[in-house]
């Protein structure tokens, strides 16, 4: 892990560019969009591309030795063990339908471990941030997960992959929705994880995720006292396509519901 001084400096710079990209998205939200398709139901807009360009240019200028992997295709090789994972607009389908739930997500990886993360919600002006060993913040105030200790008393959140044939979440959802107090689907994995970190949700699970969806949120949740794993409680890495993220207290119980039939 990098020293705390460097990580604190890095997080302030990531917050700066996430805020700028968020302001761009908020402006584009009220304009006519140019919408394309990366798959049958996987959208991309000109806002995604403009946000990514802005973020990548900033990072290449300020972190020239770091690698970059971004959702819309920007990529740079790393000259060291550090690289950024960028989702310039997490929640594109929401954005394209004028549903105000989306975010900018930037995570910093070091030696294949998430060490810094910022997730900015421009519609609520909420900046979630954390670096390893430094705690998690929301607009400068400390974050802490909920104290809910049972799935039956929990408000959970999930998502459904674009490739639903390969990543079928319906069996999990149909089982868990009968056990939990409630289950939501908001359409932005980065925000879902941050809302667990803030105690708004007690747990989150999803399949078919990408590294840029989860790297930043994982640091924020871990630093707020939460727990992250794969469904079967084995160690998680951003390259893996499934994620279980909770307040820690319901983790084992929710894992049991996700794995009880082997699906």
Foldseek 3Di string as FASTA:
>chain_A
DDDPVVQVVVQVLVLVLQQVLLVLLVVCLPPDWDWDAPDPPHIDIVSQVVLVVSVVVSCCVVPVQAWEDEDVGDTDDHNAQKYKYWRSWQQVVCSNVSNQDIWTKIFMDGNQATAWIWIARSVVRWIWIAGPPGAIDIVRHGWAADPDQEQQAFEEEEEAAPPCVVFPCVQLCVQSCVRHPYYYYDRQLLVRLVCRRRHVGFKYKYFQAALSRPSRSVRNNVRNQKDKDFLQRHHDGRHHGIIIIGNNNCNVVSSCSVCVPPD
